[in-house]
Amino acid sequence: MFPPSFNPQNRGTYSIAANANIDNLDIRDLDLSSFVELESVSMQGAIYSETTLFPRNFNPQSKGAYLIAANSYLKDANLSTANL
């Protein structure tokens, strides 16, 4: 919980809850490993890095997210909204 005077959205943060939509967001370097309902989150076009942490056995590519790293296969990736 945040103090009443603190608005996390003013700091560029996102709240990720069940059935959230994080399509096209930059989630590189985030720790999402403790998020238990990530399977219900829409990630189409989101970009992540090798240092992004996900729950065990979670495959972000199956949700439409793109790995941005050396030797990533991005031939059919639509990165038109990504800020690389």
N, C-alpha and C. Protein backbone atom coordinates (compact mmCIF):
# COMPACT_ATOMS: atom_id res chain seq x y z
N MET A 1 0.83 -1.16 0.00
CA MET A 1 0.00 0.00 0.00
C MET A 1 0.88 1.24 0.00
N PHE A 2 0.41 2.27 -0.65
CA PHE A 2 1.15 3.52 -0.72
C PHE A 2 0.51 4.55 0.21
N PRO A 3 1.28 5.52 0.66
CA PRO A 3 0.68 6.61 1.46
C PRO A 3 -0.38 7.33 0.64
N PRO A 4 -1.39 7.91 1.28
CA PRO A 4 -2.47 8.58 0.54
C PRO A 4 -2.00 9.66 -0.41
N SER A 5 -0.93 10.34 -0.09
CA SER A 5 -0.46 11.44 -0.94
C SER A 5 0.41 10.97 -2.11
N PHE A 6 0.71 9.68 -2.18
CA PHE A 6 1.58 9.16 -3.23
C PHE A 6 0.75 8.49 -4.32
N ASN A 7 0.93 8.94 -5.55
CA ASN A 7 0.25 8.34 -6.69
C ASN A 7 1.30 7.65 -7.55
N PRO A 8 1.36 6.31 -7.54
CA PRO A 8 2.41 5.60 -8.29
C PRO A 8 2.34 5.84 -9.79
N GLN A 9 1.16 6.14 -10.32
CA GLN A 9 1.05 6.39 -11.76
C GLN A 9 1.77 7.67 -12.16
N ASN A 10 1.90 8.62 -11.23
CA ASN A 10 2.66 9.83 -11.52
C ASN A 10 4.15 9.55 -11.63
N ARG A 11 4.56 8.40 -11.17
CA ARG A 11 5.97 8.00 -11.21
C ARG A 11 6.25 7.01 -12.34
N GLY A 12 5.27 6.81 -13.22
CA GLY A 12 5.46 5.92 -14.36
C GLY A 12 5.34 4.45 -14.02
N THR A 13 4.65 4.12 -12.93
CA THR A 13 4.49 2.73 -12.53
C THR A 13 3.17 2.18 -13.05
N TYR A 14 3.08 0.88 -13.08
CA TYR A 14 1.88 0.20 -13.54
C TYR A 14 1.42 -0.80 -12.50
N SER A 15 0.15 -0.94 -12.37
CA SER A 15 -0.42 -1.95 -11.49
C SER A 15 -0.78 -3.15 -12.35
N ILE A 16 -0.26 -4.30 -11.99
CA ILE A 16 -0.53 -5.51 -12.77
C ILE A 16 -1.36 -6.44 -11.91
N ALA A 17 -2.61 -6.60 -12.29
CA ALA A 17 -3.53 -7.47 -11.56
C ALA A 17 -4.05 -8.52 -12.51
N ALA A 18 -4.80 -9.46 -12.00
CA ALA A 18 -5.38 -10.51 -12.84
C ALA A 18 -6.15 -9.86 -13.98
N ASN A 19 -6.01 -10.41 -15.17
CA ASN A 19 -6.68 -9.94 -16.39
C ASN A 19 -6.22 -8.56 -16.84
N ALA A 20 -5.08 -8.10 -16.36
CA ALA A 20 -4.55 -6.80 -16.77
C ALA A 20 -4.10 -6.85 -18.23
N ASN A 21 -3.96 -5.69 -18.81
CA ASN A 21 -3.47 -5.57 -20.18
C ASN A 21 -2.18 -4.78 -20.14
N ILE A 22 -1.06 -5.45 -20.43
CA ILE A 22 0.22 -4.76 -20.50
C ILE A 22 0.78 -4.86 -21.92
N ASP A 23 -0.14 -4.92 -22.87
CA ASP A 23 0.26 -4.96 -24.28
C ASP A 23 1.18 -3.78 -24.61
N ASN A 24 2.21 -4.07 -25.37
CA ASN A 24 3.14 -3.07 -25.89
C ASN A 24 3.95 -2.33 -24.83
N LEU A 25 3.95 -2.79 -23.60
CA LEU A 25 4.74 -2.12 -22.57
C LEU A 25 6.17 -2.66 -22.53
N ASP A 26 7.06 -1.84 -22.06
CA ASP A 26 8.46 -2.23 -21.84
C ASP A 26 8.55 -2.81 -20.43
N ILE A 27 8.69 -4.12 -20.34
CA ILE A 27 8.79 -4.77 -19.03
C ILE A 27 10.21 -5.32 -18.81
N ARG A 28 11.16 -4.77 -19.54
CA ARG A 28 12.55 -5.18 -19.38
C ARG A 28 13.01 -4.92 -17.95
N ASP A 29 13.72 -5.88 -17.40
CA ASP A 29 14.35 -5.80 -16.08
C ASP A 29 13.38 -5.81 -14.90
N LEU A 30 12.09 -6.06 -15.14
CA LEU A 30 11.14 -6.12 -14.02
C LEU A 30 11.17 -7.49 -13.36
N ASP A 31 10.81 -7.52 -12.10
CA ASP A 31 10.68 -8.78 -11.36
C ASP A 31 9.20 -9.10 -11.23
N LEU A 32 8.72 -10.00 -12.06
CA LEU A 32 7.32 -10.44 -12.03
C LEU A 32 7.22 -11.86 -11.47
N SER A 33 8.28 -12.33 -10.85
CA SER A 33 8.36 -13.74 -10.42
C SER A 33 7.34 -14.12 -9.35
N SER A 34 6.88 -13.17 -8.57
CA SER A 34 5.91 -13.51 -7.52
C SER A 34 4.46 -13.30 -7.94
N PHE A 35 4.26 -12.88 -9.17
CA PHE A 35 2.90 -12.64 -9.65
C PHE A 35 2.27 -13.98 -10.02
N VAL A 36 1.26 -14.40 -9.29
CA VAL A 36 0.71 -15.74 -9.45
C VAL A 36 -0.32 -15.86 -10.57
N GLU A 37 -0.90 -14.76 -11.01
CA GLU A 37 -1.94 -14.83 -12.05
C GLU A 37 -1.47 -14.25 -13.37
N LEU A 38 -0.19 -14.40 -13.69
CA LEU A 38 0.35 -13.83 -14.91
C LEU A 38 -0.23 -14.48 -16.16
N GLU A 39 -0.71 -15.70 -16.06
CA GLU A 39 -1.31 -16.37 -17.21
C GLU A 39 -2.53 -15.62 -17.74
N SER A 40 -3.20 -14.85 -16.89
CA SER A 40 -4.40 -14.13 -17.31
C SER A 40 -4.09 -12.74 -17.85
N VAL A 41 -2.82 -12.34 -17.84
CA VAL A 41 -2.42 -11.00 -18.27
C VAL A 41 -2.15 -10.99 -19.77
N SER A 42 -2.67 -9.98 -20.46
CA SER A 42 -2.40 -9.81 -21.89
C SER A 42 -1.07 -9.09 -22.06
N MET A 43 -0.14 -9.68 -22.85
CA MET A 43 1.20 -9.12 -23.04
C MET A 43 1.54 -8.93 -24.51
N GLN A 44 0.57 -8.89 -25.38
CA GLN A 44 0.83 -8.82 -26.82
C GLN A 44 1.72 -7.63 -27.16
N GLY A 45 2.88 -7.91 -27.71
CA GLY A 45 3.80 -6.86 -28.13
C GLY A 45 4.65 -6.27 -27.03
N ALA A 46 4.48 -6.72 -25.79
CA ALA A 46 5.35 -6.24 -24.70
C ALA A 46 6.77 -6.72 -24.97
N ILE A 47 7.74 -5.97 -24.52
CA ILE A 47 9.14 -6.37 -24.70
C ILE A 47 9.76 -6.63 -23.33
N TYR A 48 10.58 -7.69 -23.28
CA TYR A 48 11.26 -8.06 -22.04
C TYR A 48 12.70 -8.40 -22.33
N SER A 49 13.51 -8.48 -21.31
CA SER A 49 14.93 -8.78 -21.46
C SER A 49 15.27 -10.08 -20.74
N GLU A 50 16.51 -10.48 -20.88
CA GLU A 50 16.98 -11.69 -20.20
C GLU A 50 16.98 -11.52 -18.69
N THR A 51 16.94 -10.29 -18.22
CA THR A 51 16.93 -10.04 -16.78
C THR A 51 15.53 -9.85 -16.21
N THR A 52 14.50 -9.88 -17.08
CA THR A 52 13.13 -9.84 -16.59
C THR A 52 12.84 -11.17 -15.90
N LEU A 53 12.29 -11.13 -14.71
CA LEU A 53 12.02 -12.34 -13.95
C LEU A 53 10.52 -12.68 -14.03
N PHE A 54 10.25 -13.93 -14.39
CA PHE A 54 8.89 -14.43 -14.50
C PHE A 54 8.70 -15.61 -13.54
N PRO A 55 7.44 -15.96 -13.25
CA PRO A 55 7.22 -17.15 -12.43
C PRO A 55 7.80 -18.39 -13.12
N ARG A 56 8.14 -19.36 -12.32
CA ARG A 56 8.68 -20.62 -12.83
C ARG A 56 7.72 -21.23 -13.84
N ASN A 57 8.24 -21.73 -14.95
CA ASN A 57 7.50 -22.39 -16.03
C ASN A 57 6.57 -21.45 -16.80
N PHE A 58 6.72 -20.14 -16.65
CA PHE A 58 5.92 -19.19 -17.42
C PHE A 58 6.67 -18.84 -18.70
N ASN A 59 5.98 -18.88 -19.83
CA ASN A 59 6.59 -18.56 -21.12
C ASN A 59 5.98 -17.26 -21.65
N PRO A 60 6.68 -16.14 -21.53
CA PRO A 60 6.12 -14.86 -21.98
C PRO A 60 5.89 -14.81 -23.49
N GLN A 61 6.66 -15.57 -24.26
CA GLN A 61 6.46 -15.58 -25.71
C GLN A 61 5.11 -16.20 -26.08
N SER A 62 4.62 -17.11 -25.26
CA SER A 62 3.31 -17.70 -25.54
C SER A 62 2.18 -16.69 -25.33
N LYS A 63 2.48 -15.58 -24.64
CA LYS A 63 1.51 -14.51 -24.42
C LYS A 63 1.70 -13.36 -25.41
N GLY A 64 2.65 -13.52 -26.34
CA GLY A 64 2.87 -12.51 -27.37
C GLY A 64 3.94 -11.49 -27.06
N ALA A 65 4.72 -11.70 -25.99
CA ALA A 65 5.80 -10.78 -25.63
C ALA A 65 7.06 -11.14 -26.43
N TYR A 66 7.91 -10.15 -26.63
CA TYR A 66 9.15 -10.32 -27.40
C TYR A 66 10.37 -10.16 -26.51
N LEU A 67 11.29 -11.10 -26.62
CA LEU A 67 12.57 -11.01 -25.93
C LEU A 67 13.50 -10.12 -26.74
N ILE A 68 14.01 -9.07 -26.11
CA ILE A 68 14.99 -8.19 -26.75
C ILE A 68 16.34 -8.54 -26.17
N ALA A 69 17.12 -9.29 -26.95
CA ALA A 69 18.44 -9.75 -26.51
C ALA A 69 19.23 -10.17 -27.74
N ALA A 70 20.51 -10.37 -27.54
CA ALA A 70 21.35 -10.85 -28.63
C ALA A 70 20.80 -12.18 -29.16
N ASN A 71 20.79 -12.32 -30.46
CA ASN A 71 20.35 -13.53 -31.15
C ASN A 71 18.85 -13.83 -30.99
N SER A 72 18.04 -12.84 -30.62
CA SER A 72 16.59 -13.05 -30.56
C SER A 72 16.04 -13.11 -31.97
N TYR A 73 15.06 -13.95 -32.17
CA TYR A 73 14.41 -14.07 -33.48
C TYR A 73 13.21 -13.14 -33.50
N LEU A 74 13.31 -12.05 -34.25
CA LEU A 74 12.27 -11.03 -34.27
C LEU A 74 11.75 -10.76 -35.68
N LYS A 75 11.92 -11.72 -36.57
CA LYS A 75 11.55 -11.52 -37.98
C LYS A 75 10.11 -11.04 -38.14
N ASP A 76 9.16 -11.63 -37.46
CA ASP A 76 7.76 -11.27 -37.61
C ASP A 76 7.24 -10.39 -36.47
N ALA A 77 8.14 -9.87 -35.67
CA ALA A 77 7.73 -9.05 -34.53
C ALA A 77 7.28 -7.66 -34.99
N ASN A 78 6.18 -7.19 -34.45
CA ASN A 78 5.71 -5.84 -34.71
C ASN A 78 6.17 -4.98 -33.55
N LEU A 79 7.25 -4.26 -33.75
CA LEU A 79 7.83 -3.43 -32.69
C LEU A 79 7.59 -1.94 -32.97
N SER A 80 6.56 -1.64 -33.73
CA SER A 80 6.32 -0.25 -34.12
C SER A 80 6.01 0.65 -32.94
N THR A 81 5.53 0.09 -31.83
CA THR A 81 5.24 0.92 -30.65
C THR A 81 6.34 0.82 -29.59
N ALA A 82 7.35 0.00 -29.83
CA ALA A 82 8.41 -0.20 -28.84
C ALA A 82 9.41 0.94 -28.86
N ASN A 83 9.84 1.36 -27.69
CA ASN A 83 10.86 2.39 -27.55
C ASN A 83 12.16 1.69 -27.23
N LEU A 84 12.90 1.34 -28.26
CA LEU A 84 14.14 0.60 -28.06
C LEU A 84 15.31 1.56 -27.96
